[in-house]
Amino acid sequence: GGWHRHMTLASAAHAITALAPAARGLRA
């Protein structure tokens, strides 16, 4: 369960990073 919870929250962290340039114009 710990593996799955970590992978879930790490995926959310990835999503925030991936979406940031569309909303905020961050660098590559």
PDB file of all heavy atoms in Angstrom:
ATOM      1  N   GLY A   1       0.815  -1.203   0.000  1.00  0.00           N
ATOM      2  CA  GLY A   1       0.000   0.000   0.000  1.00  0.00           C
ATOM      3  C   GLY A   1       0.851   1.256   0.000  1.00  0.00           C
ATOM      4  O   GLY A   1       0.500   2.256  -0.637  1.00  0.00           O
ATOM      5  N   GLY A   2       1.970   1.223   0.717  1.00  0.00           N
ATOM      6  CA  GLY A   2       2.868   2.374   0.746  1.00  0.00           C
ATOM      7  C   GLY A   2       3.419   2.691  -0.620  1.00  0.00           C
ATOM      8  O   GLY A   2       3.519   3.867  -1.009  1.00  0.00           O
ATOM      9  N   TRP A   3       3.790   1.644  -1.364  1.00  0.00           N
ATOM     10  CA  TRP A   3       4.289   1.859  -2.728  1.00  0.00           C
ATOM     11  C   TRP A   3       3.229   2.552  -3.570  1.00  0.00           C
ATOM     12  O   TRP A   3       3.506   3.529  -4.270  1.00  0.00           O
ATOM     13  CB  TRP A   3       4.679   0.529  -3.364  1.00  0.00           C
ATOM     14  CG  TRP A   3       5.300   0.656  -4.720  1.00  0.00           C
ATOM     15  CD1 TRP A   3       6.620   0.835  -5.020  1.00  0.00           C
ATOM     16  CD2 TRP A   3       4.608   0.632  -5.986  1.00  0.00           C
ATOM     17  NE1 TRP A   3       6.794   0.918  -6.378  1.00  0.00           N
ATOM     18  CE2 TRP A   3       5.587   0.799  -7.003  1.00  0.00           C
ATOM     19  CE3 TRP A   3       3.272   0.486  -6.353  1.00  0.00           C
ATOM     20  CZ2 TRP A   3       5.257   0.824  -8.361  1.00  0.00           C
ATOM     21  CZ3 TRP A   3       2.938   0.518  -7.705  1.00  0.00           C
ATOM     22  CH2 TRP A   3       3.934   0.672  -8.687  1.00  0.00           C
ATOM     23  N   HIS A   4       1.994   2.062  -3.508  1.00  0.00           N
ATOM     24  CA  HIS A   4       0.927   2.633  -4.323  1.00  0.00           C
ATOM     25  C   HIS A   4       0.590   4.059  -3.894  1.00  0.00           C
ATOM     26  O   HIS A   4       0.333   4.923  -4.754  1.00  0.00           O
ATOM     27  CB  HIS A   4      -0.319   1.751  -4.252  1.00  0.00           C
ATOM     28  CG  HIS A   4      -0.286   0.598  -5.208  1.00  0.00           C
ATOM     29  ND1 HIS A   4      -0.539   0.739  -6.544  1.00  0.00           N
ATOM     30  CD2 HIS A   4      -0.014  -0.724  -5.003  1.00  0.00           C
ATOM     31  CE1 HIS A   4      -0.436  -0.441  -7.144  1.00  0.00           C
ATOM     32  NE2 HIS A   4      -0.121  -1.343  -6.235  1.00  0.00           N
ATOM     33  N   ARG A   5       0.608   4.341  -2.603  1.00  0.00           N
ATOM     34  CA  ARG A   5       0.311   5.715  -2.156  1.00  0.00           C
ATOM     35  C   ARG A   5       1.418   6.678  -2.593  1.00  0.00           C
ATOM     36  O   ARG A   5       1.141   7.795  -3.026  1.00  0.00           O
ATOM     37  CB  ARG A   5       0.125   5.731  -0.641  1.00  0.00           C
ATOM     38  CG  ARG A   5      -1.109   4.957  -0.181  1.00  0.00           C
ATOM     39  CD  ARG A   5      -1.368   5.085   1.314  1.00  0.00           C
ATOM     40  NE  ARG A   5      -2.427   4.165   1.695  1.00  0.00           N
ATOM     41  CZ  ARG A   5      -2.232   2.950   2.202  1.00  0.00           C
ATOM     42  NH1 ARG A   5      -0.992   2.527   2.426  1.00  0.00           N
ATOM     43  NH2 ARG A   5      -3.249   2.170   2.493  1.00  0.00           N
ATOM     44  N   HIS A   6       2.674   6.218  -2.470  1.00  0.00           N
ATOM     45  CA  HIS A   6       3.782   7.070  -2.921  1.00  0.00           C
ATOM     46  C   HIS A   6       3.682   7.335  -4.415  1.00  0.00           C
ATOM     47  O   HIS A   6       3.832   8.485  -4.867  1.00  0.00           O
ATOM     48  CB  HIS A   6       5.122   6.409  -2.602  1.00  0.00           C
ATOM     49  CG  HIS A   6       6.287   7.107  -3.247  1.00  0.00           C
ATOM     50  ND1 HIS A   6       6.884   8.219  -2.702  1.00  0.00           N
ATOM     51  CD2 HIS A   6       6.951   6.864  -4.422  1.00  0.00           C
ATOM     52  CE1 HIS A   6       7.866   8.631  -3.486  1.00  0.00           C
ATOM     53  NE2 HIS A   6       7.924   7.824  -4.542  1.00  0.00           N
ATOM     54  N   MET A   7       3.426   6.297  -5.217  1.00  0.00           N
ATOM     55  CA  MET A   7       3.346   6.474  -6.666  1.00  0.00           C
ATOM     56  C   MET A   7       2.197   7.408  -7.043  1.00  0.00           C
ATOM     57  O   MET A   7       2.301   8.190  -7.989  1.00  0.00           O
ATOM     58  CB  MET A   7       3.177   5.123  -7.359  1.00  0.00           C
ATOM     59  CG  MET A   7       4.336   4.152  -7.148  1.00  0.00           C
ATOM     60  SD  MET A   7       5.923   4.723  -7.814  1.00  0.00           S
ATOM     61  CE  MET A   7       5.716   4.368  -9.556  1.00  0.00           C
ATOM     62  N   THR A   8       1.113   7.339  -6.284  1.00  0.00           N
ATOM     63  CA  THR A   8      -0.031   8.209  -6.546  1.00  0.00           C
ATOM     64  C   THR A   8       0.326   9.668  -6.300  1.00  0.00           C
ATOM     65  O   THR A   8       0.040  10.546  -7.139  1.00  0.00           O
ATOM     66  CB  THR A   8      -1.213   7.808  -5.648  1.00  0.00           C
ATOM     67  OG1 THR A   8      -1.562   6.442  -5.908  1.00  0.00           O
ATOM     68  CG2 THR A   8      -2.428   8.685  -5.900  1.00  0.00           C
ATOM     69  N   LEU A   9       0.960   9.959  -5.170  1.00  0.00           N
ATOM     70  CA  LEU A   9       1.291  11.337  -4.827  1.00  0.00           C
ATOM     71  C   LEU A   9       2.459  11.857  -5.670  1.00  0.00           C
ATOM     72  O   LEU A   9       2.501  13.048  -6.007  1.00  0.00           O
ATOM     73  CB  LEU A   9       1.588  11.449  -3.336  1.00  0.00           C
ATOM     74  CG  LEU A   9       0.418  11.030  -2.420  1.00  0.00           C
ATOM     75  CD1 LEU A   9       0.768  11.260  -0.957  1.00  0.00           C
ATOM     76  CD2 LEU A   9      -0.862  11.765  -2.782  1.00  0.00           C
ATOM     77  N   ALA A  10       3.389  10.979  -6.036  1.00  0.00           N
ATOM     78  CA  ALA A  10       4.460  11.395  -6.946  1.00  0.00           C
ATOM     79  C   ALA A  10       3.893  11.713  -8.331  1.00  0.00           C
ATOM     80  O   ALA A  10       4.383  12.619  -9.022  1.00  0.00           O
ATOM     81  CB  ALA A  10       5.535  10.312  -7.045  1.00  0.00           C
ATOM     82  N   SER A  11       2.858  10.990  -8.741  1.00  0.00           N
ATOM     83  CA  SER A  11       2.199  11.298 -10.010  1.00  0.00           C
ATOM     84  C   SER A  11       1.531  12.660  -9.951  1.00  0.00           C
ATOM     85  O   SER A  11       1.528  13.415 -10.939  1.00  0.00           O
ATOM     86  CB  SER A  11       1.164  10.216 -10.343  1.00  0.00           C
ATOM     87  OG  SER A  11       1.791   8.960 -10.538  1.00  0.00           O
ATOM     88  N   ALA A  12       0.954  12.993  -8.797  1.00  0.00           N
ATOM     89  CA  ALA A  12       0.352  14.320  -8.629  1.00  0.00           C
ATOM     90  C   ALA A  12       1.421  15.406  -8.707  1.00  0.00           C
ATOM     91  O   ALA A  12       1.210  16.467  -9.308  1.00  0.00           O
ATOM     92  CB  ALA A  12      -0.400  14.393  -7.304  1.00  0.00           C
ATOM     93  N   ALA A  13       2.585  15.151  -8.090  1.00  0.00           N
ATOM     94  CA  ALA A  13       3.688  16.123  -8.158  1.00  0.00           C
ATOM     95  C   ALA A  13       4.154  16.301  -9.598  1.00  0.00           C
ATOM     96  O   ALA A  13       4.452  17.413 -10.042  1.00  0.00           O
ATOM     97  CB  ALA A  13       4.840  15.667  -7.269  1.00  0.00           C
ATOM     98  N   HIS A  14       4.218  15.200 -10.337  1.00  0.00           N
ATOM     99  CA  HIS A  14       4.567  15.288 -11.758  1.00  0.00           C
ATOM    100  C   HIS A  14       3.536  16.133 -12.502  1.00  0.00           C
ATOM    101  O   HIS A  14       3.885  16.994 -13.313  1.00  0.00           O
ATOM    102  CB  HIS A  14       4.637  13.888 -12.363  1.00  0.00           C
ATOM    103  CG  HIS A  14       4.969  13.864 -13.827  1.00  0.00           C
ATOM    104  ND1 HIS A  14       6.064  13.196 -14.325  1.00  0.00           N
ATOM    105  CD2 HIS A  14       4.358  14.430 -14.905  1.00  0.00           C
ATOM    106  CE1 HIS A  14       6.112  13.346 -15.635  1.00  0.00           C
ATOM    107  NE2 HIS A  14       5.074  14.098 -16.011  1.00  0.00           N
ATOM    108  N   ALA A  15       2.259  15.903 -12.223  1.00  0.00           N
ATOM    109  CA  ALA A  15       1.192  16.625 -12.926  1.00  0.00           C
ATOM    110  C   ALA A  15       1.284  18.127 -12.687  1.00  0.00           C
ATOM    111  O   ALA A  15       1.123  18.933 -13.612  1.00  0.00           O
ATOM    112  CB  ALA A  15      -0.170  16.101 -12.479  1.00  0.00           C
ATOM    113  N   ILE A  16       1.550  18.515 -11.444  1.00  0.00           N
ATOM    114  CA  ILE A  16       1.677  19.943 -11.135  1.00  0.00           C
ATOM    115  C   ILE A  16       2.826  20.555 -11.916  1.00  0.00           C
ATOM    116  O   ILE A  16       2.724  21.652 -12.476  1.00  0.00           O
ATOM    117  CB  ILE A  16       1.877  20.133  -9.619  1.00  0.00           C
ATOM    118  CG1 ILE A  16       0.586  19.766  -8.880  1.00  0.00           C
ATOM    119  CG2 ILE A  16       2.290  21.563  -9.283  1.00  0.00           C
ATOM    120  CD1 ILE A  16       0.746  19.657  -7.391  1.00  0.00           C
ATOM    121  N   THR A  17       3.941  19.826 -11.982  1.00  0.00           N
ATOM    122  CA  THR A  17       5.095  20.305 -12.745  1.00  0.00           C
ATOM    123  C   THR A  17       4.773  20.402 -14.234  1.00  0.00           C
ATOM    124  O   THR A  17       5.123  21.373 -14.900  1.00  0.00           O
ATOM    125  CB  THR A  17       6.287  19.369 -12.524  1.00  0.00           C
ATOM    126  OG1 THR A  17       6.543  19.230 -11.136  1.00  0.00           O
ATOM    127  CG2 THR A  17       7.533  19.902 -13.211  1.00  0.00           C
ATOM    128  N   ALA A  18       4.093  19.377 -14.763  1.00  0.00           N
ATOM    129  CA  ALA A  18       3.779  19.354 -16.190  1.00  0.00           C
ATOM    130  C   ALA A  18       2.813  20.457 -16.585  1.00  0.00           C
ATOM    131  O   ALA A  18       2.912  21.020 -17.670  1.00  0.00           O
ATOM    132  CB  ALA A  18       3.202  17.990 -16.574  1.00  0.00           C
ATOM    133  N   LEU A  19       1.867  20.769 -15.719  1.00  0.00           N
ATOM    134  CA  LEU A  19       0.861  21.777 -16.033  1.00  0.00           C
ATOM    135  C   LEU A  19       1.349  23.198 -15.781  1.00  0.00           C
ATOM    136  O   LEU A  19       0.778  24.154 -16.307  1.00  0.00           O
ATOM    137  CB  LEU A  19      -0.404  21.531 -15.214  1.00  0.00           C
ATOM    138  CG  LEU A  19      -1.189  20.263 -15.552  1.00  0.00           C
ATOM    139  CD1 LEU A  19      -2.369  20.107 -14.592  1.00  0.00           C
ATOM    140  CD2 LEU A  19      -1.677  20.282 -16.992  1.00  0.00           C
ATOM    141  N   ALA A  20       2.402  23.346 -14.989  1.00  0.00           N
ATOM    142  CA  ALA A  20       2.848  24.684 -14.602  1.00  0.00           C
ATOM    143  C   ALA A  20       3.142  25.596 -15.781  1.00  0.00           C
ATOM    144  O   ALA A  20       2.739  26.757 -15.753  1.00  0.00           O
ATOM    145  CB  ALA A  20       4.075  24.584 -13.692  1.00  0.00           C
ATOM    146  N   PRO A  21       3.832  25.161 -16.853  1.00  0.00           N
ATOM    147  CA  PRO A  21       4.154  26.102 -17.933  1.00  0.00           C
ATOM    148  C   PRO A  21       2.925  26.629 -18.655  1.00  0.00           C
ATOM    149  O   PRO A  21       2.912  27.763 -19.114  1.00  0.00           O
ATOM    150  CB  PRO A  21       5.050  25.296 -18.873  1.00  0.00           C
ATOM    151  CG  PRO A  21       4.731  23.881 -18.575  1.00  0.00           C
ATOM    152  CD  PRO A  21       4.451  23.844 -17.105  1.00  0.00           C
ATOM    153  N   ALA A  22       1.874  25.812 -18.761  1.00  0.00           N
ATOM    154  CA  ALA A  22       0.668  26.259 -19.453  1.00  0.00           C
ATOM    155  C   ALA A  22      -0.006  27.389 -18.683  1.00  0.00           C
ATOM    156  O   ALA A  22      -0.594  28.289 -19.268  1.00  0.00           O
ATOM    157  CB  ALA A  22      -0.297  25.090 -19.627  1.00  0.00           C
ATOM    158  N   ALA A  23       0.125  27.359 -17.329  1.00  0.00           N
ATOM    159  CA  ALA A  23      -0.553  28.350 -16.511  1.00  0.00           C
ATOM    160  C   ALA A  23       0.359  29.484 -16.082  1.00  0.00           C
ATOM    161  O   ALA A  23      -0.086  30.597 -15.869  1.00  0.00           O
ATOM    162  CB  ALA A  23      -1.139  27.670 -15.270  1.00  0.00           C
ATOM    163  N   ARG A  24       1.675  29.215 -15.978  1.00  0.00           N
ATOM    164  CA  ARG A  24       2.566  30.183 -15.355  1.00  0.00           C
ATOM    165  C   ARG A  24       3.764  30.571 -16.209  1.00  0.00           C
ATOM    166  O   ARG A  24       4.524  31.464 -15.852  1.00  0.00           O
ATOM    167  CB  ARG A  24       3.096  29.587 -14.040  1.00  0.00           C
ATOM    168  CG  ARG A  24       1.966  28.953 -13.226  1.00  0.00           C
ATOM    169  CD  ARG A  24       1.679  29.585 -11.951  1.00  0.00           C
ATOM    170  NE  ARG A  24       2.750  30.294 -11.342  1.00  0.00           N
ATOM    171  CZ  ARG A  24       2.770  30.540 -10.043  1.00  0.00           C
ATOM    172  NH1 ARG A  24       1.811  30.092  -9.284  1.00  0.00           N
ATOM    173  NH2 ARG A  24       3.743  31.247  -9.500  1.00  0.00           N
ATOM    174  N   GLY A  25       3.977  29.876 -17.321  1.00  0.00           N
ATOM    175  CA  GLY A  25       5.092  30.241 -18.192  1.00  0.00           C
ATOM    176  C   GLY A  25       6.443  29.941 -17.595  1.00  0.00           C
ATOM    177  O   GLY A  25       7.402  30.674 -17.799  1.00  0.00           O
ATOM    178  N   LEU A  26       6.552  28.820 -16.832  1.00  0.00           N
ATOM    179  CA  LEU A  26       7.842  28.483 -16.246  1.00  0.00           C
ATOM    180  C   LEU A  26       8.803  28.013 -17.322  1.00  0.00           C
ATOM    181  O   LEU A  26       8.412  27.600 -18.403  1.00  0.00           O
ATOM    182  CB  LEU A  26       7.662  27.381 -15.195  1.00  0.00           C
ATOM    183  CG  LEU A  26       6.798  27.752 -13.981  1.00  0.00           C
ATOM    184  CD1 LEU A  26       6.723  26.575 -13.035  1.00  0.00           C
ATOM    185  CD2 LEU A  26       7.358  28.963 -13.270  1.00  0.00           C
ATOM    186  N   ARG A  27      10.080  27.997 -16.999  1.00  0.00           N
ATOM    187  CA  ARG A  27      11.095  27.600 -17.964  1.00  0.00           C
ATOM    188  C   ARG A  27      11.036  26.103 -18.203  1.00  0.00           C
ATOM    189  O   ARG A  27      10.430  25.361 -17.448  1.00  0.00           O
ATOM    190  CB  ARG A  27      12.485  27.996 -17.445  1.00  0.00           C
ATOM    191  CG  ARG A  27      12.886  27.288 -16.155  1.00  0.00           C
ATOM    192  CD  ARG A  27      14.269  27.739 -15.711  1.00  0.00           C
ATOM    193  NE  ARG A  27      14.623  27.226 -14.415  1.00  0.00           N
ATOM    194  CZ  ARG A  27      15.044  25.998 -14.192  1.00  0.00           C
ATOM    195  NH1 ARG A  27      15.127  25.139 -15.164  1.00  0.00           N
ATOM    196  NH2 ARG A  27      15.373  25.606 -12.978  1.00  0.00           N
ATOM    197  N   ALA A  28      11.669  25.652 -19.274  1.00  0.00           N
ATOM    198  CA  ALA A  28      11.664  24.228 -19.623  1.00  0.00           C
ATOM    199  C   ALA A  28      12.432  23.429 -18.604  1.00  0.00           C
ATOM    200  O   ALA A  28      13.375  23.893 -18.005  1.00  0.00           O
ATOM    201  CB  ALA A  28      12.285  24.047 -21.015  1.00  0.00           C
TER     202      ALA A  28
END
